[in-house]
PDB file of N, CA and C in Angstrom:
ATOM      1  N   MET A   1       0.833  -1.192   0.000  1.00  0.00           N
ATOM      2  CA  MET A   1       0.000   0.000   0.000  1.00  0.00           C
ATOM      3  C   MET A   1       0.875   1.253   0.000  1.00  0.00           C
ATOM      4  N   LYS A   2       0.375   2.270  -0.669  1.00  0.00           N
ATOM      5  CA  LYS A   2       1.122   3.518  -0.732  1.00  0.00           C
ATOM      6  C   LYS A   2       0.742   4.404   0.444  1.00  0.00           C
ATOM      7  N   ARG A   3       1.744   5.011   1.040  1.00  0.00           N
ATOM      8  CA  ARG A   3       1.485   5.961   2.114  1.00  0.00           C
ATOM      9  C   ARG A   3       1.101   7.304   1.517  1.00  0.00           C
ATOM     10  N   PRO A   4       0.149   7.994   2.130  1.00  0.00           N
ATOM     11  CA  PRO A   4      -0.226   9.320   1.620  1.00  0.00           C
ATOM     12  C   PRO A   4       0.942  10.293   1.729  1.00  0.00           C
ATOM     13  N   ARG A   5       0.922  11.301   0.874  1.00  0.00           N
ATOM     14  CA  ARG A   5       2.010  12.271   0.829  1.00  0.00           C
ATOM     15  C   ARG A   5       1.513  13.671   1.155  1.00  0.00           C
ATOM     16  N   ALA A   6       2.312  14.386   1.912  1.00  0.00           N
ATOM     17  CA  ALA A   6       2.067  15.798   2.185  1.00  0.00           C
ATOM     18  C   ALA A   6       2.853  16.589   1.148  1.00  0.00           C
ATOM     19  N   VAL A   7       2.289  17.693   0.670  1.00  0.00           N
ATOM     20  CA  VAL A   7       2.956  18.537  -0.311  1.00  0.00           C
ATOM     21  C   VAL A   7       3.343  19.843   0.374  1.00  0.00           C
ATOM     22  N   ILE A   8       4.603  20.252   0.240  1.00  0.00           N
ATOM     23  CA  ILE A   8       5.107  21.463   0.894  1.00  0.00           C
ATOM     24  C   ILE A   8       5.310  22.548  -0.166  1.00  0.00           C
ATOM     25  N   TYR A   9       4.799  23.743   0.140  1.00  0.00           N
ATOM     26  CA  TYR A   9       4.888  24.892  -0.767  1.00  0.00           C
ATOM     27  C   TYR A   9       5.577  26.050  -0.064  1.00  0.00           C
ATOM     28  N   ALA A  10       6.290  26.880  -0.829  1.00  0.00           N
ATOM     29  CA  ALA A  10       6.822  28.148  -0.316  1.00  0.00           C
ATOM     30  C   ALA A  10       5.699  29.170  -0.382  1.00  0.00           C
ATOM     31  N   MET A  11       5.690  30.122   0.564  1.00  0.00           N
ATOM     32  CA  MET A  11       4.662  31.157   0.578  1.00  0.00           C
ATOM     33  C   MET A  11       5.296  32.514   0.336  1.00  0.00           C
ATOM     34  N   ASN A  12       4.548  33.396  -0.329  1.00  0.00           N
ATOM     35  CA  ASN A  12       5.041  34.756  -0.552  1.00  0.00           C
ATOM     36  C   ASN A  12       4.631  35.646   0.624  1.00  0.00           C
ATOM     37  N   ALA A  13       4.924  36.935   0.554  1.00  0.00           N
ATOM     38  CA  ALA A  13       4.662  37.863   1.656  1.00  0.00           C
ATOM     39  C   ALA A  13       3.176  37.990   1.967  1.00  0.00           C
ATOM     40  N   ARG A  14       2.310  37.753   0.989  1.00  0.00           N
ATOM     41  CA  ARG A  14       0.867  37.861   1.213  1.00  0.00           C
ATOM     42  C   ARG A  14       0.275  36.568   1.757  1.00  0.00           C
ATOM     43  N   GLY A  15       1.096  35.547   1.973  1.00  0.00           N
ATOM     44  CA  GLY A  15       0.605  34.289   2.522  1.00  0.00           C
ATOM     45  C   GLY A  15      -0.012  33.367   1.486  1.00  0.00           C
ATOM     46  N   VAL A  16       0.369  33.524   0.224  1.00  0.00           N
ATOM     47  CA  VAL A  16      -0.161  32.694  -0.841  1.00  0.00           C
ATOM     48  C   VAL A  16       0.895  31.673  -1.255  1.00  0.00           C
ATOM     49  N   ALA A  17       0.491  30.397  -1.305  1.00  0.00           N
ATOM     50  CA  ALA A  17       1.416  29.348  -1.733  1.00  0.00           C
ATOM     51  C   ALA A  17       1.680  29.523  -3.222  1.00  0.00           C
ATOM     52  N   TYR A  18       2.945  29.633  -3.604  1.00  0.00           N
ATOM     53  CA  TYR A  18       3.254  29.908  -4.993  1.00  0.00           C
ATOM     54  C   TYR A  18       4.240  28.946  -5.630  1.00  0.00           C
ATOM     55  N   LYS A  19       4.988  28.183  -4.846  1.00  0.00           N
ATOM     56  CA  LYS A  19       6.021  27.330  -5.428  1.00  0.00           C
ATOM     57  C   LYS A  19       6.070  26.002  -4.683  1.00  0.00           C
ATOM     58  N   LYS A  20       5.933  24.923  -5.426  1.00  0.00           N
ATOM     59  CA  LYS A  20       5.972  23.586  -4.833  1.00  0.00           C
ATOM     60  C   LYS A  20       7.418  23.216  -4.532  1.00  0.00           C
ATOM     61  N   LEU A  21       7.695  22.889  -3.274  1.00  0.00           N
ATOM     62  CA  LEU A  21       9.065  22.545  -2.875  1.00  0.00           C
ATOM     63  C   LEU A  21       9.304  21.044  -2.841  1.00  0.00           C
ATOM     64  N   GLY A  22       8.249  20.271  -2.656  1.00  0.00           N
ATOM     65  CA  GLY A  22       8.416  18.826  -2.627  1.00  0.00           C
ATOM     66  C   GLY A  22       7.272  18.112  -1.952  1.00  0.00           C
ATOM     67  N   LYS A  23       7.339  16.776  -1.992  1.00  0.00           N
ATOM     68  CA  LYS A  23       6.349  15.916  -1.340  1.00  0.00           C
ATOM     69  C   LYS A  23       7.081  15.021  -0.358  1.00  0.00           C
ATOM     70  N   GLN A  24       6.394  14.653   0.716  1.00  0.00           N
ATOM     71  CA  GLN A  24       6.978  13.707   1.671  1.00  0.00           C
ATOM     72  C   GLN A  24       5.906  12.733   2.131  1.00  0.00           C
ATOM     73  N   LYS A  25       6.305  11.483   2.252  1.00  0.00           N
ATOM     74  CA  LYS A  25       5.406  10.486   2.816  1.00  0.00           C
ATOM     75  C   LYS A  25       5.209  10.816   4.284  1.00  0.00           C
ATOM     76  N   ILE A  26       4.011  10.579   4.770  1.00  0.00           N
ATOM     77  CA  ILE A  26       3.740  10.877   6.174  1.00  0.00           C
ATOM     78  C   ILE A  26       2.990   9.703   6.793  1.00  0.00           C
ATOM     79  N   SER A  27       3.479   9.238   7.913  1.00  0.00           N
ATOM     80  CA  SER A  27       2.906   8.100   8.612  1.00  0.00           C
ATOM     81  C   SER A  27       1.774   8.577   9.508  1.00  0.00           C
ATOM     82  N   THR A  28       0.722   7.785   9.626  1.00  0.00           N
ATOM     83  CA  THR A  28      -0.372   8.166  10.521  1.00  0.00           C
ATOM     84  C   THR A  28      -0.058   7.808  11.969  1.00  0.00           C
ATOM     85  N   ARG A  29       0.869   6.891  12.194  1.00  0.00           N
ATOM     86  CA  ARG A  29       1.244   6.530  13.570  1.00  0.00           C
ATOM     87  C   ARG A  29       2.172   7.561  14.201  1.00  0.00           C
ATOM     88  N   THR A  30       3.215   7.934  13.470  1.00  0.00           N
ATOM     89  CA  THR A  30       4.153   8.948  13.959  1.00  0.00           C
ATOM     90  C   THR A  30       4.306  10.007  12.880  1.00  0.00           C
ATOM     91  N   PRO A  31       3.353  10.940  12.802  1.00  0.00           N
ATOM     92  CA  PRO A  31       3.402  11.930  11.718  1.00  0.00           C
ATOM     93  C   PRO A  31       4.564  12.903  11.864  1.00  0.00           C
ATOM     94  N   LYS A  32       5.452  12.919  10.863  1.00  0.00           N
ATOM     95  CA  LYS A  32       6.624  13.793  10.863  1.00  0.00           C
ATOM     96  C   LYS A  32       6.843  14.347   9.469  1.00  0.00           C
ATOM     97  N   LEU A  33       7.303  15.587   9.406  1.00  0.00           N
ATOM     98  CA  LEU A  33       7.772  16.193   8.163  1.00  0.00           C
ATOM     99  C   LEU A  33       9.185  16.689   8.421  1.00  0.00           C
ATOM    100  N   ASP A  34      10.054  16.545   7.457  1.00  0.00           N
ATOM    101  CA  ASP A  34      11.432  17.013   7.603  1.00  0.00           C
ATOM    102  C   ASP A  34      11.743  17.977   6.463  1.00  0.00           C
ATOM    103  N   LEU A  35      11.667  19.281   6.755  1.00  0.00           N
ATOM    104  CA  LEU A  35      11.915  20.287   5.727  1.00  0.00           C
ATOM    105  C   LEU A  35      13.389  20.344   5.334  1.00  0.00           C
ATOM    106  N   THR A  36      14.276  19.815   6.165  1.00  0.00           N
ATOM    107  CA  THR A  36      15.706  19.844   5.847  1.00  0.00           C
ATOM    108  C   THR A  36      16.044  18.877   4.707  1.00  0.00           C
ATOM    109  N   LYS A  37      15.155  17.942   4.390  1.00  0.00           N
ATOM    110  CA  LYS A  37      15.414  16.972   3.323  1.00  0.00           C
ATOM    111  C   LYS A  37      14.903  17.438   1.966  1.00  0.00           C
ATOM    112  N   LEU A  38      14.270  18.600   1.920  1.00  0.00           N
ATOM    113  CA  LEU A  38      13.790  19.128   0.643  1.00  0.00           C
ATOM    114  C   LEU A  38      14.965  19.591  -0.212  1.00  0.00           C
ATOM    115  N   ARG A  39      14.814  19.531  -1.523  1.00  0.00           N
ATOM    116  CA  ARG A  39      15.868  20.020  -2.412  1.00  0.00           C
ATOM    117  C   ARG A  39      16.095  21.507  -2.217  1.00  0.00           C
ATOM    118  N   GLU A  40      15.004  22.238  -2.007  1.00  0.00           N
ATOM    119  CA  GLU A  40      15.101  23.679  -1.775  1.00  0.00           C
ATOM    120  C   GLU A  40      14.381  23.996  -0.467  1.00  0.00           C
ATOM    121  N   TYR A  41      15.133  24.493   0.513  1.00  0.00           N
ATOM    122  CA  TYR A  41      14.564  24.828   1.819  1.00  0.00           C
ATOM    123  C   TYR A  41      13.763  26.124   1.700  1.00  0.00           C
ATOM    124  N   PRO A  42      12.571  26.221   2.322  1.00  0.00           N
ATOM    125  CA  PRO A  42      11.786  27.458   2.212  1.00  0.00           C
ATOM    126  C   PRO A  42      12.518  28.648   2.826  1.00  0.00           C
ATOM    127  N   ALA A  43      12.593  29.754   2.083  1.00  0.00           N
ATOM    128  CA  ALA A  43      13.307  30.949   2.545  1.00  0.00           C
ATOM    129  C   ALA A  43      12.549  31.638   3.674  1.00  0.00           C
ATOM    130  N   GLY A  44      11.243  31.577   3.654  1.00  0.00           N
ATOM    131  CA  GLY A  44      10.432  32.220   4.692  1.00  0.00           C
ATOM    132  C   GLY A  44       9.392  31.236   5.192  1.00  0.00           C
ATOM    133  N   ASP A  45       8.151  31.683   5.181  1.00  0.00           N
ATOM    134  CA  ASP A  45       7.062  30.819   5.611  1.00  0.00           C
ATOM    135  C   ASP A  45       6.801  29.749   4.552  1.00  0.00           C
ATOM    136  N   ALA A  46       6.219  28.648   4.999  1.00  0.00           N
ATOM    137  CA  ALA A  46       5.848  27.565   4.084  1.00  0.00           C
ATOM    138  C   ALA A  46       4.430  27.132   4.415  1.00  0.00           C
ATOM    139  N   SER A  47       3.803  26.438   3.489  1.00  0.00           N
ATOM    140  CA  SER A  47       2.495  25.867   3.792  1.00  0.00           C
ATOM    141  C   SER A  47       2.499  24.410   3.358  1.00  0.00           C
ATOM    142  N   VAL A  48       1.654  23.629   4.021  1.00  0.00           N
ATOM    143  CA  VAL A  48       1.600  22.194   3.786  1.00  0.00           C
ATOM    144  C   VAL A  48       0.179  21.828   3.394  1.00  0.00           C
ATOM    145  N   GLU A  49       0.061  20.995   2.370  1.00  0.00           N
ATOM    146  CA  GLU A  49      -1.240  20.501   1.915  1.00  0.00           C
ATOM    147  C   GLU A  49      -1.328  19.016   2.227  1.00  0.00           C
ATOM    148  N   LEU A  50      -2.384  18.631   2.944  1.00  0.00           N
ATOM    149  CA  LEU A  50      -2.638  17.232   3.227  1.00  0.00           C
ATOM    150  C   LEU A  50      -3.884  16.812   2.456  1.00  0.00           C
ATOM    151  N   PRO A  51      -3.844  15.693   1.736  1.00  0.00           N
ATOM    152  CA  PRO A  51      -5.059  15.219   1.071  1.00  0.00           C
ATOM    153  C   PRO A  51      -6.154  14.978   2.113  1.00  0.00           C
ATOM    154  N   SER A  52      -7.419  15.142   1.731  1.00  0.00           N
ATOM    155  CA  SER A  52      -8.526  15.048   2.691  1.00  0.00           C
ATOM    156  C   SER A  52      -8.549  13.699   3.408  1.00  0.00           C
ATOM    157  N   LYS A  53      -8.246  12.621   2.705  1.00  0.00           N
ATOM    158  CA  LYS A  53      -8.242  11.286   3.319  1.00  0.00           C
ATOM    159  C   LYS A  53      -7.207  11.210   4.446  1.00  0.00           C
ATOM    160  N   LEU A  54      -6.029  11.774   4.203  1.00  0.00           N
ATOM    161  CA  LEU A  54      -4.974  11.798   5.213  1.00  0.00           C
ATOM    162  C   LEU A  54      -5.356  12.720   6.372  1.00  0.00           C
ATOM    163  N   ALA A  55      -5.958  13.851   6.067  1.00  0.00           N
ATOM    164  CA  ALA A  55      -6.374  14.790   7.108  1.00  0.00           C
ATOM    165  C   ALA A  55      -7.397  14.155   8.048  1.00  0.00           C
ATOM    166  N   HIS A  56      -8.310  13.335   7.504  1.00  0.00           N
ATOM    167  CA  HIS A  56      -9.281  12.627   8.342  1.00  0.00           C
ATOM    168  C   HIS A  56      -8.567  11.683   9.301  1.00  0.00           C
ATOM    169  N   LYS A  57      -7.560  10.969   8.814  1.00  0.00           N
ATOM    170  CA  LYS A  57      -6.832  10.010   9.650  1.00  0.00           C
ATOM    171  C   LYS A  57      -5.986  10.707  10.719  1.00  0.00           C
ATOM    172  N   LEU A  58      -5.481  11.906  10.407  1.00  0.00           N
ATOM    173  CA  LEU A  58      -4.606  12.626  11.338  1.00  0.00           C
ATOM    174  C   LEU A  58      -5.352  13.586  12.266  1.00  0.00           C
ATOM    175  N   ALA A  59      -6.668  13.668  12.157  1.00  0.00           N
ATOM    176  CA  ALA A  59      -7.445  14.595  12.984  1.00  0.00           C
ATOM    177  C   ALA A  59      -7.157  14.343  14.465  1.00  0.00           C
ATOM    178  N   GLY A  60      -6.787  15.410  15.178  1.00  0.00           N
ATOM    179  CA  GLY A  60      -6.473  15.309  16.600  1.00  0.00           C
ATOM    180  C   GLY A  60      -5.038  14.885  16.890  1.00  0.00           C
ATOM    181  N   ARG A  61      -4.234  14.619  15.868  1.00  0.00           N
ATOM    182  CA  ARG A  61      -2.839  14.203  16.038  1.00  0.00           C
ATOM    183  C   ARG A  61      -1.906  15.395  15.869  1.00  0.00           C
ATOM    184  N   ILE A  62      -0.724  15.278  16.408  1.00  0.00           N
ATOM    185  CA  ILE A  62       0.278  16.334  16.308  1.00  0.00           C
ATOM    186  C   ILE A  62       1.351  15.901  15.312  1.00  0.00           C
ATOM    187  N   ILE A  63       1.623  16.770  14.331  1.00  0.00           N
ATOM    188  CA  ILE A  63       2.679  16.521  13.343  1.00  0.00           C
ATOM    189  C   ILE A  63       3.937  17.241  13.816  1.00  0.00           C
ATOM    190  N   THR A  64       5.054  16.542  13.856  1.00  0.00           N
ATOM    191  CA  THR A  64       6.341  17.148  14.189  1.00  0.00           C
ATOM    192  C   THR A  64       6.999  17.586  12.889  1.00  0.00           C
ATOM    193  N   ILE A  65       7.444  18.843  12.861  1.00  0.00           N
ATOM    194  CA  ILE A  65       8.059  19.408  11.659  1.00  0.00           C
ATOM    195  C   ILE A  65       9.509  19.744  11.986  1.00  0.00           C
ATOM    196  N   GLN A  66      10.447  19.045  11.345  1.00  0.00           N
ATOM    197  CA  GLN A  66      11.872  19.270  11.573  1.00  0.00           C
ATOM    198  C   GLN A  66      12.357  20.381  10.661  1.00  0.00           C
ATOM    199  N   MET A  67      13.031  21.375  11.249  1.00  0.00           N
ATOM    200  CA  MET A  67      13.569  22.493  10.492  1.00  0.00           C
ATOM    201  C   MET A  67      15.013  22.697  10.907  1.00  0.00           C
ATOM    202  N   TYR A  68      15.744  23.571  10.193  1.00  0.00           N
ATOM    203  CA  TYR A  68      17.138  23.819  10.555  1.00  0.00           C
ATOM    204  C   TYR A  68      17.246  24.501  11.913  1.00  0.00           C
ATOM    205  N   GLY A  69      16.286  25.331  12.275  1.00  0.00           N
ATOM    206  CA  GLY A  69      16.326  26.044  13.547  1.00  0.00           C
ATOM    207  C   GLY A  69      15.766  25.250  14.709  1.00  0.00           C
ATOM    208  N   GLY A  70      15.455  23.998  14.528  1.00  0.00           N
ATOM    209  CA  GLY A  70      14.846  23.175  15.576  1.00  0.00           C
ATOM    210  C   GLY A  70      13.603  22.505  15.012  1.00  0.00           C
ATOM    211  N   SER A  71      12.710  22.110  15.903  1.00  0.00           N
ATOM    212  CA  SER A  71      11.492  21.460  15.416  1.00  0.00           C
ATOM    213  C   SER A  71      10.264  22.216  15.903  1.00  0.00           C
ATOM    214  N   ARG A  72       9.198  22.061  15.175  1.00  0.00           N
ATOM    215  CA  ARG A  72       7.910  22.674  15.506  1.00  0.00           C
ATOM    216  C   ARG A  72       6.863  21.578  15.501  1.00  0.00           C
ATOM    217  N   THR A  73       5.683  21.906  16.011  1.00  0.00           N
ATOM    218  CA  THR A  73       4.585  20.955  15.973  1.00  0.00           C
ATOM    219  C   THR A  73       3.335  21.649  15.444  1.00  0.00           C
ATOM    220  N   HIS A  74       2.425  20.855  14.909  1.00  0.00           N
ATOM    221  CA  HIS A  74       1.132  21.362  14.439  1.00  0.00           C
ATOM    222  C   HIS A  74       0.070  20.334  14.775  1.00  0.00           C
ATOM    223  N   LEU A  75      -1.006  20.786  15.429  1.00  0.00           N
ATOM    224  CA  LEU A  75      -2.135  19.921  15.747  1.00  0.00           C
ATOM    225  C   LEU A  75      -3.096  19.949  14.574  1.00  0.00           C
ATOM    226  N   VAL A  76      -3.378  18.788  14.001  1.00  0.00           N
ATOM    227  CA  VAL A  76      -4.330  18.704  12.896  1.00  0.00           C
ATOM    228  C   VAL A  76      -5.730  18.751  13.496  1.00  0.00           C
ATOM    229  N   GLU A  77      -6.472  19.776  13.131  1.00  0.00           N
ATOM    230  CA  GLU A  77      -7.812  19.959  13.672  1.00  0.00           C
ATOM    231  C   GLU A  77      -8.776  18.974  13.023  1.00  0.00           C
ATOM    232  N   ALA A  78      -9.922  18.757  13.679  1.00  0.00           N
ATOM    233  CA  ALA A  78     -10.949  17.886  13.113  1.00  0.00           C
ATOM    234  C   ALA A  78     -11.336  18.435  11.740  1.00  0.00           C
ATOM    235  N   TYR A  79     -11.402  17.559  10.771  1.00  0.00           N
ATOM    236  CA  TYR A  79     -11.620  18.000   9.396  1.00  0.00           C
ATOM    237  C   TYR A  79     -12.661  17.107   8.748  1.00  0.00           C
ATOM    238  N   ASP A  80     -13.728  17.715   8.216  1.00  0.00           N
ATOM    239  CA  ASP A  80     -14.772  16.915   7.569  1.00  0.00           C
ATOM    240  C   ASP A  80     -15.071  17.381   6.148  1.00  0.00           C
ATOM    241  N   GLY A  81     -14.147  18.124   5.556  1.00  0.00           N
ATOM    242  CA  GLY A  81     -14.333  18.602   4.187  1.00  0.00           C
ATOM    243  C   GLY A  81     -13.836  17.606   3.166  1.00  0.00           C
ATOM    244  N   GLN A  82     -14.130  17.878   1.920  1.00  0.00           N
ATOM    245  CA  GLN A  82     -13.689  17.019   0.823  1.00  0.00           C
ATOM    246  C   GLN A  82     -12.436  17.554   0.148  1.00  0.00           C
ATOM    247  N   ASP A  83     -12.119  18.831   0.373  1.00  0.00           N
ATOM    248  CA  ASP A  83     -10.928  19.432  -0.213  1.00  0.00           C
ATOM    249  C   ASP A  83      -9.711  19.112   0.648  1.00  0.00           C
ATOM    250  N   SER A  84      -8.555  19.505   0.177  1.00  0.00           N
ATOM    251  CA  SER A  84      -7.320  19.286   0.937  1.00  0.00           C
ATOM    252  C   SER A  84      -7.296  20.164   2.184  1.00  0.00           C
ATOM    253  N   TYR A  85      -6.557  19.704   3.198  1.00  0.00           N
ATOM    254  CA  TYR A  85      -6.371  20.439   4.455  1.00  0.00           C
ATOM    255  C   TYR A  85      -5.042  21.178   4.346  1.00  0.00           C
ATOM    256  N   TRP A  86      -5.053  22.482   4.632  1.00  0.00           N
ATOM    257  CA  TRP A  86      -3.848  23.302   4.531  1.00  0.00           C
ATOM    258  C   TRP A  86      -3.482  23.851   5.893  1.00  0.00           C
ATOM    259  N   PHE A  87      -2.179  23.965   6.159  1.00  0.00           N
ATOM    260  CA  PHE A  87      -1.712  24.707   7.329  1.00  0.00           C
ATOM    261  C   PHE A  87      -0.376  25.360   7.014  1.00  0.00           C
ATOM    262  N   ALA A  88      -0.092  26.441   7.742  1.00  0.00           N
ATOM    263  CA  ALA A  88       1.121  27.227   7.487  1.00  0.00           C
ATOM    264  C   ALA A  88       2.188  26.910   8.524  1.00  0.00           C
ATOM    265  N   ILE A  89       3.434  26.998   8.095  1.00  0.00           N
ATOM    266  CA  ILE A  89       4.590  26.883   8.989  1.00  0.00           C
ATOM    267  C   ILE A  89       5.250  28.253   8.972  1.00  0.00           C
ATOM    268  N   LYS A  90       5.141  28.971  10.068  1.00  0.00           N
ATOM    269  CA  LYS A  90       5.656  30.344  10.140  1.00  0.00           C
ATOM    270  C   LYS A  90       7.131  30.336  10.521  1.00  0.00           C
ATOM    271  N   GLU A  91       7.815  31.411  10.112  1.00  0.00           N
ATOM    272  CA  GLU A  91       9.184  31.619  10.574  1.00  0.00           C
ATOM    273  C   GLU A  91       9.127  31.809  12.083  1.00  0.00           C
ATOM    274  N   ASP A  92      10.232  31.600  12.751  1.00  0.00           N
ATOM    275  CA  ASP A  92      10.272  31.738  14.200  1.00  0.00           C
ATOM    276  C   ASP A  92       9.930  33.171  14.610  1.00  0.00           C
ATOM    277  N   ALA A  93       8.866  33.339  15.407  1.00  0.00           N
ATOM    278  CA  ALA A  93       8.417  34.674  15.822  1.00  0.00           C
ATOM    279  C   ALA A  93       9.463  35.364  16.694  1.00  0.00           C
ATOM    280  N   GLU A  94      10.206  34.599  17.493  1.00  0.00           N
ATOM    281  CA  GLU A  94      11.222  35.197  18.370  1.00  0.00           C
ATOM    282  C   GLU A  94      12.328  35.848  17.555  1.00  0.00           C
ATOM    283  N   GLU A  95      12.726  35.221  16.447  1.00  0.00           N
ATOM    284  CA  GLU A  95      13.770  35.798  15.593  1.00  0.00           C
ATOM    285  C   GLU A  95      13.300  37.113  14.994  1.00  0.00           C
ATOM    286  N   LYS A  96      12.040  37.172  14.575  1.00  0.00           N
ATOM    287  CA  LYS A  96      11.503  38.395  13.996  1.00  0.00           C
ATOM    288  C   LYS A  96      11.454  39.508  15.038  1.00  0.00           C
ATOM    289  N   GLU A  97      11.021  39.172  16.272  1.00  0.00           N
ATOM    290  CA  GLU A  97      10.937  40.175  17.340  1.00  0.00           C
ATOM    291  C   GLU A  97      12.323  40.710  17.687  1.00  0.00           C
ATOM    292  N   ASP A  98      13.316  39.835  17.721  1.00  0.00           N
ATOM    293  CA  ASP A  98      14.682  40.275  18.021  1.00  0.00           C
ATOM    294  C   ASP A  98      15.188  41.221  16.932  1.00  0.00           C
ATOM    295  N   GLY A  99      14.842  40.956  15.691  1.00  0.00           N
ATOM    296  CA  GLY A  99      15.286  41.789  14.585  1.00  0.00           C
ATOM    297  C   GLY A  99      14.618  43.158  14.587  1.00  0.00           C
ATOM    298  N   GLU A 100      13.365  43.248  15.086  1.00  0.00           N
ATOM    299  CA  GLU A 100      12.656  44.525  15.112  1.00  0.00           C
ATOM    300  C   GLU A 100      13.052  45.389  16.280  1.00  0.00           C
ATOM    301  N   SER A 101      13.541  44.801  17.348  1.00  0.00           N
ATOM    302  CA  SER A 101      13.876  45.558  18.565  1.00  0.00           C
ATOM    303  C   SER A 101      15.080  46.436  18.390  1.00  0.00           C
TER     304      SER A 101
END
């Protein structure tokens, strides 16, 4: 059986996904994404698309996202739609605050 794949996109300043960076298989038992394994690492924010079937299986689960600056997590909310489930991976807010100060 084929494991479902998450699709990772780069986002522009307006928060619109504009460039596909890659796909990764994602397990429903231990959901993880590793952005460091992409051919092109997202320069800023990124967004992730999960097929609706996968989103149903991951509802209420936490996805661990590995990045160069450490790891992040995302809780997949209950989803009952037929379209894909999208969520954003933001740049580290602490780094931005330090730069503005």
